[in-house]
C-alpha atoms as a PDB file:
ATOM      1  CA  UNK A   1      66.737 129.671  69.340  1.00  0.00           C
ATOM      2  CA  UNK A   2      69.500 126.988  70.103  1.00  0.00           C
ATOM      3  CA  UNK A   3      72.655 126.934  67.803  1.00  0.00           C
ATOM      4  CA  UNK A   4      73.932 123.975  66.639  1.00  0.00           C
ATOM      5  CA  UNK A   5      76.428 123.568  69.593  1.00  0.00           C
ATOM      6  CA  UNK A   6      73.833 124.094  72.203  1.00  0.00           C
ATOM      7  CA  UNK A   7      71.833 121.454  69.969  1.00  0.00           C
ATOM      8  CA  UNK A   8      74.642 119.106  70.307  1.00  0.00           C
ATOM      9  CA  UNK A   9      74.693 119.407  73.873  1.00  0.00           C
ATOM     10  CA  UNK A  10      71.340 119.114  74.625  1.00  0.00           C
ATOM     11  CA  UNK A  11      70.833 116.164  71.988  1.00  0.00           C
ATOM     12  CA  UNK A  12      70.606 113.069  73.933  1.00  0.00           C
ATOM     13  CA  UNK A  13      72.976 110.286  72.791  1.00  0.00           C
ATOM     14  CA  UNK A  14      71.918 107.554  70.281  1.00  0.00           C
ATOM     15  CA  UNK A  15      73.304 105.009  72.561  1.00  0.00           C
ATOM     16  CA  UNK A  16      75.962 104.747  76.067  1.00  0.00           C
ATOM     17  CA  UNK A  17      78.854 102.575  76.336  1.00  0.00           C
ATOM     18  CA  UNK A  18      78.748 100.257  79.339  1.00  0.00           C
ATOM     19  CA  UNK A  19      82.568  99.865  80.088  1.00  0.00           C
ATOM     20  CA  UNK A  20      82.123  97.232  83.218  1.00  0.00           C
ATOM     21  CA  UNK A  21      85.322  95.842  83.417  1.00  0.00           C
ATOM     22  CA  UNK A  22      87.050  96.425  80.142  1.00  0.00           C
ATOM     23  CA  UNK A  23      89.488  98.465  82.394  1.00  0.00           C
ATOM     24  CA  UNK A  24      90.134  94.740  83.673  1.00  0.00           C
ATOM     25  CA  UNK A  25      89.970  92.715  80.678  1.00  0.00           C
ATOM     26  CA  UNK A  26      91.545  89.514  82.345  1.00  0.00           C
ATOM     27  CA  UNK A  27      88.408  89.428  84.403  1.00  0.00           C
ATOM     28  CA  UNK A  28      85.514  89.610  81.802  1.00  0.00           C
ATOM     29  CA  UNK A  29      85.893  85.863  81.238  1.00  0.00           C
ATOM     30  CA  UNK A  30      85.551  84.808  85.399  1.00  0.00           C
ATOM     31  CA  UNK A  31      83.046  87.493  85.829  1.00  0.00           C
ATOM     32  CA  UNK A  32      80.837  86.185  83.166  1.00  0.00           C
ATOM     33  CA  UNK A  33      81.034  82.601  83.865  1.00  0.00           C
ATOM     34  CA  UNK A  34      79.700  83.700  87.760  1.00  0.00           C
ATOM     35  CA  UNK A  35      77.223  85.891  86.595  1.00  0.00           C
ATOM     36  CA  UNK A  36      75.724  83.213  83.816  1.00  0.00           C
ATOM     37  CA  UNK A  37      76.128  80.493  86.593  1.00  0.00           C
ATOM     38  CA  UNK A  38      74.146  83.224  89.386  1.00  0.00           C
ATOM     39  CA  UNK A  39      71.413  83.633  86.561  1.00  0.00           C
ATOM     40  CA  UNK A  40      70.888  80.221  86.067  1.00  0.00           C
ATOM     41  CA  UNK A  41      70.401  79.309  89.401  1.00  0.00           C
ATOM     42  CA  UNK A  42      68.100  82.497  90.426  1.00  0.00           C
ATOM     43  CA  UNK A  43      66.279  81.676  87.521  1.00  0.00           C
ATOM     44  CA  UNK A  44      65.724  78.361  88.901  1.00  0.00           C
ATOM     45  CA  UNK A  45      65.993  79.140  92.964  1.00  0.00           C
ATOM     46  CA  UNK A  46      62.931  81.661  92.203  1.00  0.00           C
ATOM     47  CA  UNK A  47      60.775  79.839  89.584  1.00  0.00           C
ATOM     48  CA  UNK A  48      60.834  76.930  91.974  1.00  0.00           C
ATOM     49  CA  UNK A  49      59.537  78.674  94.861  1.00  0.00           C
ATOM     50  CA  UNK A  50      56.856  80.264  93.126  1.00  0.00           C
ATOM     51  CA  UNK A  51      55.278  77.109  91.670  1.00  0.00           C
ATOM     52  CA  UNK A  52      56.014  74.950  94.979  1.00  0.00           C
ATOM     53  CA  UNK A  53      53.950  77.589  96.869  1.00  0.00           C
ATOM     54  CA  UNK A  54      51.905  77.877  94.337  1.00  0.00           C
ATOM     55  CA  UNK A  55      50.915  74.350  93.937  1.00  0.00           C
ATOM     56  CA  UNK A  56      51.059  72.764  97.933  1.00  0.00           C
ATOM     57  CA  UNK A  57      47.532  73.269  99.763  1.00  0.00           C
ATOM     58  CA  UNK A  58      49.965  73.484 102.876  1.00  0.00           C
ATOM     59  CA  UNK A  59      52.182  77.114 101.443  1.00  0.00           C
ATOM     60  CA  UNK A  60      48.898  79.556 101.469  1.00  0.00           C
ATOM     61  CA  UNK A  61      49.766  81.605 104.242  1.00  0.00           C
ATOM     62  CA  UNK A  62      50.482  85.575 103.556  1.00  0.00           C
ATOM     63  CA  UNK A  63      53.748  84.736 104.005  1.00  0.00           C
ATOM     64  CA  UNK A  64      53.639  82.915 101.192  1.00  0.00           C
ATOM     65  CA  UNK A  65      51.926  85.011  98.799  1.00  0.00           C
ATOM     66  CA  UNK A  66      54.734  87.471  99.865  1.00  0.00           C
ATOM     67  CA  UNK A  67      57.263  84.903  99.462  1.00  0.00           C
ATOM     68  CA  UNK A  68      55.837  84.217  95.199  1.00  0.00           C
ATOM     69  CA  UNK A  69      55.976  88.228  94.609  1.00  0.00           C
ATOM     70  CA  UNK A  70      59.031  88.647  96.211  1.00  0.00           C
ATOM     71  CA  UNK A  71      60.590  85.630  93.881  1.00  0.00           C
ATOM     72  CA  UNK A  72      58.765  87.171  90.652  1.00  0.00           C
ATOM     73  CA  UNK A  73      60.774  90.673  91.774  1.00  0.00           C
ATOM     74  CA  UNK A  74      63.950  88.798  91.817  1.00  0.00           C
ATOM     75  CA  UNK A  75      63.125  87.150  88.524  1.00  0.00           C
ATOM     76  CA  UNK A  76      62.589  90.306  86.852  1.00  0.00           C
ATOM     77  CA  UNK A  77      65.119  92.092  88.382  1.00  0.00           C
ATOM     78  CA  UNK A  78      68.041  89.795  87.100  1.00  0.00           C
ATOM     79  CA  UNK A  79      66.353  90.084  83.889  1.00  0.00           C
ATOM     80  CA  UNK A  80      66.020  93.369  83.524  1.00  0.00           C
ATOM     81  CA  UNK A  81      69.910  93.780  83.702  1.00  0.00           C
ATOM     82  CA  UNK A  82      71.830  90.243  83.879  1.00  0.00           C
ATOM     83  CA  UNK A  83      71.149  89.440  80.013  1.00  0.00           C
ATOM     84  CA  UNK A  84      72.297  92.841  78.979  1.00  0.00           C
ATOM     85  CA  UNK A  85      75.392  92.632  80.613  1.00  0.00           C
ATOM     86  CA  UNK A  86      76.422  88.895  79.663  1.00  0.00           C
ATOM     87  CA  UNK A  87      75.848  90.682  75.811  1.00  0.00           C
ATOM     88  CA  UNK A  88      78.570  93.142  76.849  1.00  0.00           C
ATOM     89  CA  UNK A  89      81.326  90.532  78.522  1.00  0.00           C
ATOM     90  CA  UNK A  90      80.686  88.169  75.902  1.00  0.00           C
ATOM     91  CA  UNK A  91      80.962  90.294  72.608  1.00  0.00           C
ATOM     92  CA  UNK A  92      83.437  93.285  71.721  1.00  0.00           C
ATOM     93  CA  UNK A  93      79.559  95.493  71.630  1.00  0.00           C
ATOM     94  CA  UNK A  94      79.552  97.028  75.063  1.00  0.00           C
ATOM     95  CA  UNK A  95      76.811  99.399  73.643  1.00  0.00           C
ATOM     96  CA  UNK A  96      72.854  99.601  74.973  1.00  0.00           C
ATOM     97  CA  UNK A  97      70.766 102.042  73.090  1.00  0.00           C
ATOM     98  CA  UNK A  98      69.426 105.301  74.670  1.00  0.00           C
ATOM     99  CA  UNK A  99      65.813 104.157  75.191  1.00  0.00           C
ATOM    100  CA  UNK A 100      66.789 101.053  76.102  1.00  0.00           C
ATOM    101  CA  UNK A 101      68.743 102.559  78.368  1.00  0.00           C
ATOM    102  CA  UNK A 102      66.058 104.656  80.272  1.00  0.00           C
ATOM    103  CA  UNK A 103      63.540 101.537  79.891  1.00  0.00           C
ATOM    104  CA  UNK A 104      66.468  99.164  82.058  1.00  0.00           C
ATOM    105  CA  UNK A 105      67.543 102.090  84.840  1.00  0.00           C
ATOM    106  CA  UNK A 106      63.382 103.324  85.226  1.00  0.00           C
ATOM    107  CA  UNK A 107      61.863  99.124  85.402  1.00  0.00           C
ATOM    108  CA  UNK A 108      65.270  98.700  87.835  1.00  0.00           C
ATOM    109  CA  UNK A 109      63.976 101.294  90.042  1.00  0.00           C
ATOM    110  CA  UNK A 110      60.647 100.508  89.879  1.00  0.00           C
ATOM    111  CA  UNK A 111      61.415  96.812  91.127  1.00  0.00           C
ATOM    112  CA  UNK A 112      63.550  98.339  93.611  1.00  0.00           C
ATOM    113  CA  UNK A 113      61.301 100.054  95.479  1.00  0.00           C
ATOM    114  CA  UNK A 114      58.495  97.752  94.848  1.00  0.00           C
ATOM    115  CA  UNK A 115      60.391  95.376  97.196  1.00  0.00           C
ATOM    116  CA  UNK A 116      61.308  97.479  99.861  1.00  0.00           C
ATOM    117  CA  UNK A 117      57.208  97.440 100.212  1.00  0.00           C
ATOM    118  CA  UNK A 118      57.043  93.870 100.290  1.00  0.00           C
ATOM    119  CA  UNK A 119      59.761  93.301 102.251  1.00  0.00           C
ATOM    120  CA  UNK A 120      57.914  95.395 104.829  1.00  0.00           C
ATOM    121  CA  UNK A 121      55.031  93.489 104.148  1.00  0.00           C
ATOM    122  CA  UNK A 122      56.596  89.681 104.895  1.00  0.00           C
ATOM    123  CA  UNK A 123      57.683  91.227 108.622  1.00  0.00           C
ATOM    124  CA  UNK A 124      56.492  88.737 111.069  1.00  0.00           C
ATOM    125  CA  UNK A 125      55.274  90.947 113.800  1.00  0.00           C
ATOM    126  CA  UNK A 126      51.326  89.925 113.556  1.00  0.00           C
ATOM    127  CA  UNK A 127      52.301  86.149 113.121  1.00  0.00           C
ATOM    128  CA  UNK A 128      54.859  86.267 116.474  1.00  0.00           C
ATOM    129  CA  UNK A 129      53.390  88.840 118.975  1.00  0.00           C
ATOM    130  CA  UNK A 130      49.293  89.039 118.175  1.00  0.00           C
ATOM    131  CA  UNK A 131      48.758  85.300 116.640  1.00  0.00           C
ATOM    132  CA  UNK A 132      45.119  85.415 116.978  1.00  0.00           C
ATOM    133  CA  UNK A 133      44.548  88.471 114.740  1.00  0.00           C
ATOM    134  CA  UNK A 134      47.058  86.848 112.177  1.00  0.00           C
ATOM    135  CA  UNK A 135      44.402  85.321 110.158  1.00  0.00           C
ATOM    136  CA  UNK A 136      42.037  88.102 110.533  1.00  0.00           C
ATOM    137  CA  UNK A 137      44.286  90.587 109.850  1.00  0.00           C
ATOM    138  CA  UNK A 138      46.542  89.119 107.226  1.00  0.00           C
ATOM    139  CA  UNK A 139      43.326  87.692 105.216  1.00  0.00           C
ATOM    140  CA  UNK A 140      43.901  87.102 101.230  1.00  0.00           C
ATOM    141  CA  UNK A 141      42.436  90.368  99.769  1.00  0.00           C
ATOM    142  CA  UNK A 142      44.186  92.498 102.640  1.00  0.00           C
ATOM    143  CA  UNK A 143      47.524  90.930 101.351  1.00  0.00           C
ATOM    144  CA  UNK A 144      46.428  91.353  97.988  1.00  0.00           C
ATOM    145  CA  UNK A 145      46.004  95.399  98.442  1.00  0.00           C
ATOM    146  CA  UNK A 146      49.228  95.440 100.456  1.00  0.00           C
ATOM    147  CA  UNK A 147      50.975  94.082  97.167  1.00  0.00           C
ATOM    148  CA  UNK A 148      49.051  96.620  95.464  1.00  0.00           C
ATOM    149  CA  UNK A 149      50.237  99.439  97.170  1.00  0.00           C
ATOM    150  CA  UNK A 150      53.836  98.321  96.440  1.00  0.00           C
ATOM    151  CA  UNK A 151      53.365  98.422  92.851  1.00  0.00           C
ATOM    152  CA  UNK A 152      51.599 101.585  92.584  1.00  0.00           C
ATOM    153  CA  UNK A 153      54.243 103.150  95.302  1.00  0.00           C
ATOM    154  CA  UNK A 154      56.646 101.928  92.984  1.00  0.00           C
ATOM    155  CA  UNK A 155      55.764 103.012  90.150  1.00  0.00           C
ATOM    156  CA  UNK A 156      54.877 106.493  91.180  1.00  0.00           C
ATOM    157  CA  UNK A 157      58.608 106.780  92.730  1.00  0.00           C
ATOM    158  CA  UNK A 158      59.926 105.291  89.640  1.00  0.00           C
ATOM    159  CA  UNK A 159      58.147 107.636  87.552  1.00  0.00           C
ATOM    160  CA  UNK A 160      59.519 110.859  89.082  1.00  0.00           C
ATOM    161  CA  UNK A 161      62.862 109.628  88.778  1.00  0.00           C
ATOM    162  CA  UNK A 162      62.633 109.496  85.213  1.00  0.00           C
ATOM    163  CA  UNK A 163      60.555 112.024  84.378  1.00  0.00           C
ATOM    164  CA  UNK A 164      63.612 114.288  86.065  1.00  0.00           C
ATOM    165  CA  UNK A 165      66.250 111.822  84.691  1.00  0.00           C
ATOM    166  CA  UNK A 166      65.647 111.956  81.021  1.00  0.00           C
ATOM    167  CA  UNK A 167      65.688 115.638  81.067  1.00  0.00           C
ATOM    168  CA  UNK A 168      69.309 115.806  81.303  1.00  0.00           C
ATOM    169  CA  UNK A 169      72.114 116.857  78.939  1.00  0.00           C
ATOM    170  CA  UNK A 170      75.387 114.905  78.569  1.00  0.00           C
ATOM    171  CA  UNK A 171      77.691 116.980  76.631  1.00  0.00           C
ATOM    172  CA  UNK A 172      77.968 114.194  74.508  1.00  0.00           C
ATOM    173  CA  UNK A 173      79.658 112.095  76.999  1.00  0.00           C
ATOM    174  CA  UNK A 174      78.528 108.489  76.528  1.00  0.00           C
ATOM    175  CA  UNK A 175      80.738 106.132  78.949  1.00  0.00           C
ATOM    176  CA  UNK A 176      79.211 104.750  81.660  1.00  0.00           C
ATOM    177  CA  UNK A 177      81.780 102.866  83.878  1.00  0.00           C
ATOM    178  CA  UNK A 178      79.295 100.303  85.012  1.00  0.00           C
ATOM    179  CA  UNK A 179      77.322  97.465  84.374  1.00  0.00           C
ATOM    180  CA  UNK A 180      73.930  98.336  83.545  1.00  0.00           C
ATOM    181  CA  UNK A 181      71.990 101.745  83.714  1.00  0.00           C
ATOM    182  CA  UNK A 182      70.965 102.945  86.921  1.00  0.00           C
ATOM    183  CA  UNK A 183      69.712 106.149  88.210  1.00  0.00           C
ATOM    184  CA  UNK A 184      72.785 107.451  90.398  1.00  0.00           C
ATOM    185  CA  UNK A 185      75.101 106.795  87.131  1.00  0.00           C
ATOM    186  CA  UNK A 186      72.995 108.646  84.785  1.00  0.00           C
ATOM    187  CA  UNK A 187      73.013 111.713  87.320  1.00  0.00           C
ATOM    188  CA  UNK A 188      76.705 111.415  87.608  1.00  0.00           C
ATOM    189  CA  UNK A 189      77.067 111.277  83.898  1.00  0.00           C
ATOM    190  CA  UNK A 190      75.190 114.766  83.271  1.00  0.00           C
ATOM    191  CA  UNK A 191      77.047 117.970  82.380  1.00  0.00           C
ATOM    192  CA  UNK A 192      74.351 120.466  83.592  1.00  0.00           C
ATOM    193  CA  UNK A 193      73.431 121.454  87.296  1.00  0.00           C
ATOM    194  CA  UNK A 194      72.174 118.112  88.682  1.00  0.00           C
ATOM    195  CA  UNK A 195      70.800 119.399  92.561  1.00  0.00           C
ATOM    196  CA  UNK A 196      67.000 119.221  91.877  1.00  0.00           C
ATOM    197  CA  UNK A 197      67.926 115.484  91.055  1.00  0.00           C
ATOM    198  CA  UNK A 198      70.105 114.885  93.809  1.00  0.00           C
ATOM    199  CA  UNK A 199      67.511 115.778  96.047  1.00  0.00           C
ATOM    200  CA  UNK A 200      65.007 114.341  94.753  1.00  0.00           C
ATOM    201  CA  UNK A 201      66.413 111.208  94.804  1.00  0.00           C
ATOM    202  CA  UNK A 202      67.671 111.524  98.480  1.00  0.00           C
ATOM    203  CA  UNK A 203      64.005 112.561  99.105  1.00  0.00           C
ATOM    204  CA  UNK A 204      62.512 109.880  97.286  1.00  0.00           C
ATOM    205  CA  UNK A 205      65.006 107.137  98.945  1.00  0.00           C
ATOM    206  CA  UNK A 206      64.489 108.527 102.491  1.00  0.00           C
ATOM    207  CA  UNK A 207      60.710 107.997 101.765  1.00  0.00           C
ATOM    208  CA  UNK A 208      61.357 104.255 100.527  1.00  0.00           C
ATOM    209  CA  UNK A 209      63.613 104.186 104.093  1.00  0.00           C
ATOM    210  CA  UNK A 210      59.914 104.285 105.529  1.00  0.00           C
ATOM    211  CA  UNK A 211      59.376 100.476 105.138  1.00  0.00           C
ATOM    212  CA  UNK A 212      63.063  99.760 106.861  1.00  0.00           C
ATOM    213  CA  UNK A 213      62.039 101.475 109.591  1.00  0.00           C
ATOM    214  CA  UNK A 214      58.522  99.590 110.120  1.00  0.00           C
ATOM    215  CA  UNK A 215      60.794  96.456 109.716  1.00  0.00           C
ATOM    216  CA  UNK A 216      63.381  97.628 112.098  1.00  0.00           C
ATOM    217  CA  UNK A 217      60.236  98.417 114.776  1.00  0.00           C
ATOM    218  CA  UNK A 218      58.545  95.403 113.786  1.00  0.00           C
ATOM    219  CA  UNK A 219      61.546  93.254 114.920  1.00  0.00           C
ATOM    220  CA  UNK A 220      62.108  95.348 117.994  1.00  0.00           C
ATOM    221  CA  UNK A 221      58.635  94.571 119.402  1.00  0.00           C
ATOM    222  CA  UNK A 222      59.208  90.503 118.123  1.00  0.00           C
ATOM    223  CA  UNK A 223      62.700  90.845 120.429  1.00  0.00           C
ATOM    224  CA  UNK A 224      60.491  91.849 123.247  1.00  0.00           C
ATOM    225  CA  UNK A 225      57.897  89.619 123.017  1.00  0.00           C
ATOM    226  CA  UNK A 226      60.360  86.347 122.528  1.00  0.00           C
ATOM    227  CA  UNK A 227      62.810  87.401 125.673  1.00  0.00           C
ATOM    228  CA  UNK A 228      59.360  86.871 127.475  1.00  0.00           C
ATOM    229  CA  UNK A 229      59.016  83.189 126.518  1.00  0.00           C
ATOM    230  CA  UNK A 230      60.158  81.139 129.241  1.00  0.00           C
ATOM    231  CA  UNK A 231      61.463  78.373 127.173  1.00  0.00           C
ATOM    232  CA  UNK A 232      64.442  78.376 125.261  1.00  0.00           C
ATOM    233  CA  UNK A 233      63.503  76.126 122.367  1.00  0.00           C
ATOM    234  CA  UNK A 234      60.487  78.184 121.914  1.00  0.00           C
ATOM    235  CA  UNK A 235      62.957  81.146 121.854  1.00  0.00           C
ATOM    236  CA  UNK A 236      64.471  79.565 119.503  1.00  0.00           C
ATOM    237  CA  UNK A 237      61.782  78.774 117.304  1.00  0.00           C
ATOM    238  CA  UNK A 238      60.414  82.152 117.280  1.00  0.00           C
ATOM    239  CA  UNK A 239      64.296  83.500 116.192  1.00  0.00           C
ATOM    240  CA  UNK A 240      64.172  80.560 113.351  1.00  0.00           C
ATOM    241  CA  UNK A 241      61.117  82.211 111.771  1.00  0.00           C
ATOM    242  CA  UNK A 242      62.262  85.607 111.506  1.00  0.00           C
ATOM    243  CA  UNK A 243      66.288  84.742 110.702  1.00  0.00           C
ATOM    244  CA  UNK A 244      65.508  84.401 106.984  1.00  0.00           C
ATOM    245  CA  UNK A 245      63.783  87.552 106.796  1.00  0.00           C
ATOM    246  CA  UNK A 246      65.952  89.578 108.439  1.00  0.00           C
ATOM    247  CA  UNK A 247      68.912  87.954 106.348  1.00  0.00           C
ATOM    248  CA  UNK A 248      66.927  88.858 102.913  1.00  0.00           C
ATOM    249  CA  UNK A 249      66.669  92.410 104.083  1.00  0.00           C
ATOM    250  CA  UNK A 250      69.998  93.072 105.426  1.00  0.00           C
ATOM    251  CA  UNK A 251      71.187  91.698 101.534  1.00  0.00           C
ATOM    252  CA  UNK A 252      69.151  93.722 100.158  1.00  0.00           C
ATOM    253  CA  UNK A 253      69.169  97.274 101.865  1.00  0.00           C
ATOM    254  CA  UNK A 254      72.702  97.843 103.103  1.00  0.00           C
ATOM    255  CA  UNK A 255      74.066  98.232 100.048  1.00  0.00           C
ATOM    256  CA  UNK A 256      71.351  99.617  98.299  1.00  0.00           C
ATOM    257  CA  UNK A 257      71.668 102.336 101.205  1.00  0.00           C
ATOM    258  CA  UNK A 258      75.467 102.516 100.595  1.00  0.00           C
ATOM    259  CA  UNK A 259      74.433 103.596  96.636  1.00  0.00           C
ATOM    260  CA  UNK A 260      71.516 105.888  97.225  1.00  0.00           C
ATOM    261  CA  UNK A 261      71.928 107.912 100.129  1.00  0.00           C
ATOM    262  CA  UNK A 262      75.100 109.390  98.720  1.00  0.00           C
ATOM    263  CA  UNK A 263      75.191 112.297  96.316  1.00  0.00           C
ATOM    264  CA  UNK A 264      75.345 110.944  92.938  1.00  0.00           C
ATOM    265  CA  UNK A 265      77.898 114.060  92.423  1.00  0.00           C
ATOM    266  CA  UNK A 266      79.731 111.934  95.291  1.00  0.00           C
ATOM    267  CA  UNK A 267      79.120 108.662  93.784  1.00  0.00           C
ATOM    268  CA  UNK A 268      82.201 106.754  92.531  1.00  0.00           C
ATOM    269  CA  UNK A 269      81.432 104.508  89.574  1.00  0.00           C
ATOM    270  CA  UNK A 270      84.237 102.323  90.251  1.00  0.00           C
ATOM    271  CA  UNK A 271      82.968 101.417  93.795  1.00  0.00           C
ATOM    272  CA  UNK A 272      79.404 101.427  92.613  1.00  0.00           C
ATOM    273  CA  UNK A 273      79.641  99.432  89.938  1.00  0.00           C
ATOM    274  CA  UNK A 274      80.640  96.233  91.872  1.00  0.00           C
ATOM    275  CA  UNK A 275      78.284  97.376  94.714  1.00  0.00           C
ATOM    276  CA  UNK A 276      75.026  97.354  92.149  1.00  0.00           C
ATOM    277  CA  UNK A 277      76.367  93.524  90.996  1.00  0.00           C
ATOM    278  CA  UNK A 278      75.445  92.467  94.715  1.00  0.00           C
ATOM    279  CA  UNK A 279      71.919  93.635  94.437  1.00  0.00           C
ATOM    280  CA  UNK A 280      71.004  93.251  91.367  1.00  0.00           C
ATOM    281  CA  UNK A 281      71.863  89.292  91.179  1.00  0.00           C
ATOM    282  CA  UNK A 282      74.111  87.892  94.118  1.00  0.00           C
ATOM    283  CA  UNK A 283      71.158  88.554  96.369  1.00  0.00           C
ATOM    284  CA  UNK A 284      68.288  87.628  93.926  1.00  0.00           C
ATOM    285  CA  UNK A 285      70.218  84.265  93.710  1.00  0.00           C
ATOM    286  CA  UNK A 286      70.643  83.673  97.180  1.00  0.00           C
ATOM    287  CA  UNK A 287      67.228  84.551  98.288  1.00  0.00           C
ATOM    288  CA  UNK A 288      65.852  81.319  97.293  1.00  0.00           C
ATOM    289  CA  UNK A 289      68.428  79.108  99.316  1.00  0.00           C
ATOM    290  CA  UNK A 290      68.076  81.477 102.054  1.00  0.00           C
ATOM    291  CA  UNK A 291      63.875  80.985 102.241  1.00  0.00           C
ATOM    292  CA  UNK A 292      64.381  76.996 101.305  1.00  0.00           C
ATOM    293  CA  UNK A 293      67.267  76.180 103.483  1.00  0.00           C
ATOM    294  CA  UNK A 294      66.125  77.585 106.782  1.00  0.00           C
ATOM    295  CA  UNK A 295      62.208  76.782 106.441  1.00  0.00           C
ATOM    296  CA  UNK A 296      60.737  73.136 106.660  1.00  0.00           C
ATOM    297  CA  UNK A 297      57.727  73.566 105.440  1.00  0.00           C
ATOM    298  CA  UNK A 298      59.201  75.025 102.442  1.00  0.00           C
ATOM    299  CA  UNK A 299      61.797  72.140 102.187  1.00  0.00           C
ATOM    300  CA  UNK A 300      58.752  69.502 103.048  1.00  0.00           C
ATOM    301  CA  UNK A 301      56.540  71.094  99.881  1.00  0.00           C
ATOM    302  CA  UNK A 302      59.549  71.279  97.279  1.00  0.00           C
ATOM    303  CA  UNK A 303      60.194  66.970  98.964  1.00  0.00           C
ATOM    304  CA  UNK A 304      56.809  66.417  98.069  1.00  0.00           C
ATOM    305  CA  UNK A 305      56.693  67.854  94.560  1.00  0.00           C
ATOM    306  CA  UNK A 306      60.042  66.092  93.794  1.00  0.00           C
ATOM    307  CA  UNK A 307      58.141  62.888  94.810  1.00  0.00           C
ATOM    308  CA  UNK A 308      55.197  63.373  93.059  1.00  0.00           C
ATOM    309  CA  UNK A 309      57.392  64.266  89.968  1.00  0.00           C
ATOM    310  CA  UNK A 310      59.101  61.365  90.153  1.00  0.00           C
ATOM    311  CA  UNK A 311      55.884  59.080  90.133  1.00  0.00           C
ATOM    312  CA  UNK A 312      54.917  60.730  87.262  1.00  0.00           C
ATOM    313  CA  UNK A 313      58.159  60.239  85.249  1.00  0.00           C
ATOM    314  CA  UNK A 314      57.910  56.494  86.389  1.00  0.00           C
ATOM    315  CA  UNK A 315      54.496  56.190  85.133  1.00  0.00           C
END
């Protein structure tokens, strides 16, 4: 039977304090403005991509099916964390309830795992190297099955992490030197032996690196195929087709690898909190612009939609 002291150590806190940049008060207002602007742009950009790719009959290929899901993930990704960050920066209370914190890191981890698989599904190997097979292999039902696999594998990964993390004691510690709740930060805060959590996180993160390995392998084959093209214009067009996806993969994976591949016991919350900002808000904000500005079909569809809206407004 536990004593009162033991009960205090193992009972979860009612809430956590998210310090953010409280140690640098002069940063709060500029960061609040940047986050608010980025959030608005992320919402508008991703909603635009979803609507345009859904409404335009010329954007019904598998590539745009995955792009719609990626934009939906980015909408959820930012909404999971940014409103809480804005509320904390704009007010004197910088807390989040224990249950709210658990839901936040569970959903955040789940969405991140889904995005890993969706980005792998968007790799252009079949479209460029085997164009005749593309329409046969990447038909509508197969694309939906890939998306379902992404959601289910992400859920399984997140569920394991949540089950292990909610069992950690915090010994009365409530201060998270972060902008939002995240699995590495929670493991770091715990006062118990976290060897099992560290190992499980490393294994599951390594498992989610399989999509990255497939992406790199895919682009290795693509590079070999493109270099065999005689026309420089053809090579440029083929590389241009892949550049948007490669840019998004780089923006998503590099900071995530830095955060999740290091052991949480050696996790630096000062560095981690700013890196987590990058993939939680900067990447979802940039993705719509990367896919729109470098994609002629998307720009054409957006132009057609704006013309239609203008004609409706003039009636």
